[in-house]
């Protein structure tokens, strides 16, 4: 297993419970949920750039998703 993948899996596993605790103890969970989704978008974009993948490759599966 690539070290980058291993680190991403471990960090993801650690961040999930932190997110749940933050959402539970926050007076405005909608804002926090928006912040988490924004960070997810930023980090996933950085991961695509770091790995050298085609950012628009995911759009190629939409015709199959719509048909199914």
Protein backbone atom coordinates (compact mmCIF):
# COMPACT_ATOMS: atom_id res chain seq x y z
CA UNK A 1 0.00 0.00 0.00
CA UNK A 2 1.26 3.44 -0.88
CA UNK A 3 2.26 5.55 2.13
CA UNK A 4 0.10 8.45 0.96
CA UNK A 5 -3.00 6.28 0.83
CA UNK A 6 -2.21 4.86 4.25
CA UNK A 7 -1.83 8.33 5.76
CA UNK A 8 -5.05 9.56 4.13
CA UNK A 9 -7.00 6.59 5.49
CA UNK A 10 -5.66 7.07 9.01
CA UNK A 11 -6.30 10.83 9.01
CA UNK A 12 -9.79 10.29 7.63
CA UNK A 13 -10.52 7.75 10.35
CA UNK A 14 -9.37 10.19 13.01
CA UNK A 15 -11.24 13.20 11.64
CA UNK A 16 -14.64 11.50 11.45
CA UNK A 17 -15.18 11.22 15.24
CA UNK A 18 -13.88 14.77 15.70
CA UNK A 19 -16.48 16.03 13.24
CA UNK A 20 -19.24 14.21 15.09
CA UNK A 21 -18.17 15.70 18.44
CA UNK A 22 -18.02 19.19 16.95
CA UNK A 23 -21.47 18.83 15.41
CA UNK A 24 -22.97 17.51 18.64
CA UNK A 25 -21.69 20.37 20.81
CA UNK A 26 -22.31 23.25 18.40
CA UNK A 27 -25.23 25.67 18.59
CA UNK A 28 -25.22 26.09 14.79
CA UNK A 29 -24.52 22.67 13.26
CA UNK A 30 -25.48 23.84 9.77
CA UNK A 31 -22.54 26.23 9.60
CA UNK A 32 -20.16 23.62 10.88
CA UNK A 33 -21.48 21.05 8.41
CA UNK A 34 -20.93 23.59 5.61
CA UNK A 35 -17.36 24.15 6.82
CA UNK A 36 -16.69 20.41 6.86
CA UNK A 37 -18.07 20.01 3.32
CA UNK A 38 -15.98 22.95 2.14
CA UNK A 39 -12.84 21.46 3.64
CA UNK A 40 -13.69 18.11 2.05
CA UNK A 41 -13.89 19.82 -1.33
CA UNK A 42 -10.59 21.63 -0.83
CA UNK A 43 -8.74 18.57 0.43
CA UNK A 44 -10.12 16.31 -2.30
CA UNK A 45 -9.07 18.88 -4.90
CA UNK A 46 -5.59 19.01 -3.43
CA UNK A 47 -5.45 15.22 -3.48
CA UNK A 48 -6.39 15.17 -7.17
CA UNK A 49 -3.69 17.73 -7.95
CA UNK A 50 -1.06 15.95 -5.84
CA UNK A 51 -1.73 12.59 -7.46
CA UNK A 52 -1.74 14.02 -10.98
CA UNK A 53 -5.21 12.73 -11.84
CA UNK A 54 -7.60 14.24 -14.35
CA UNK A 55 -9.99 16.43 -12.29
CA UNK A 56 -12.91 16.05 -14.71
CA UNK A 57 -12.65 12.26 -15.10
CA UNK A 58 -15.54 11.75 -12.67
CA UNK A 59 -17.91 13.43 -15.13
CA UNK A 60 -17.43 10.55 -17.57
CA UNK A 61 -19.52 8.21 -15.40
CA UNK A 62 -22.62 10.44 -15.26
CA UNK A 63 -24.27 8.98 -18.39
CA UNK A 64 -24.05 5.51 -16.81
CA UNK A 65 -25.41 6.86 -13.52
CA UNK A 66 -28.36 8.52 -15.23
CA UNK A 67 -29.19 5.37 -17.23
CA UNK A 68 -29.02 3.14 -14.18
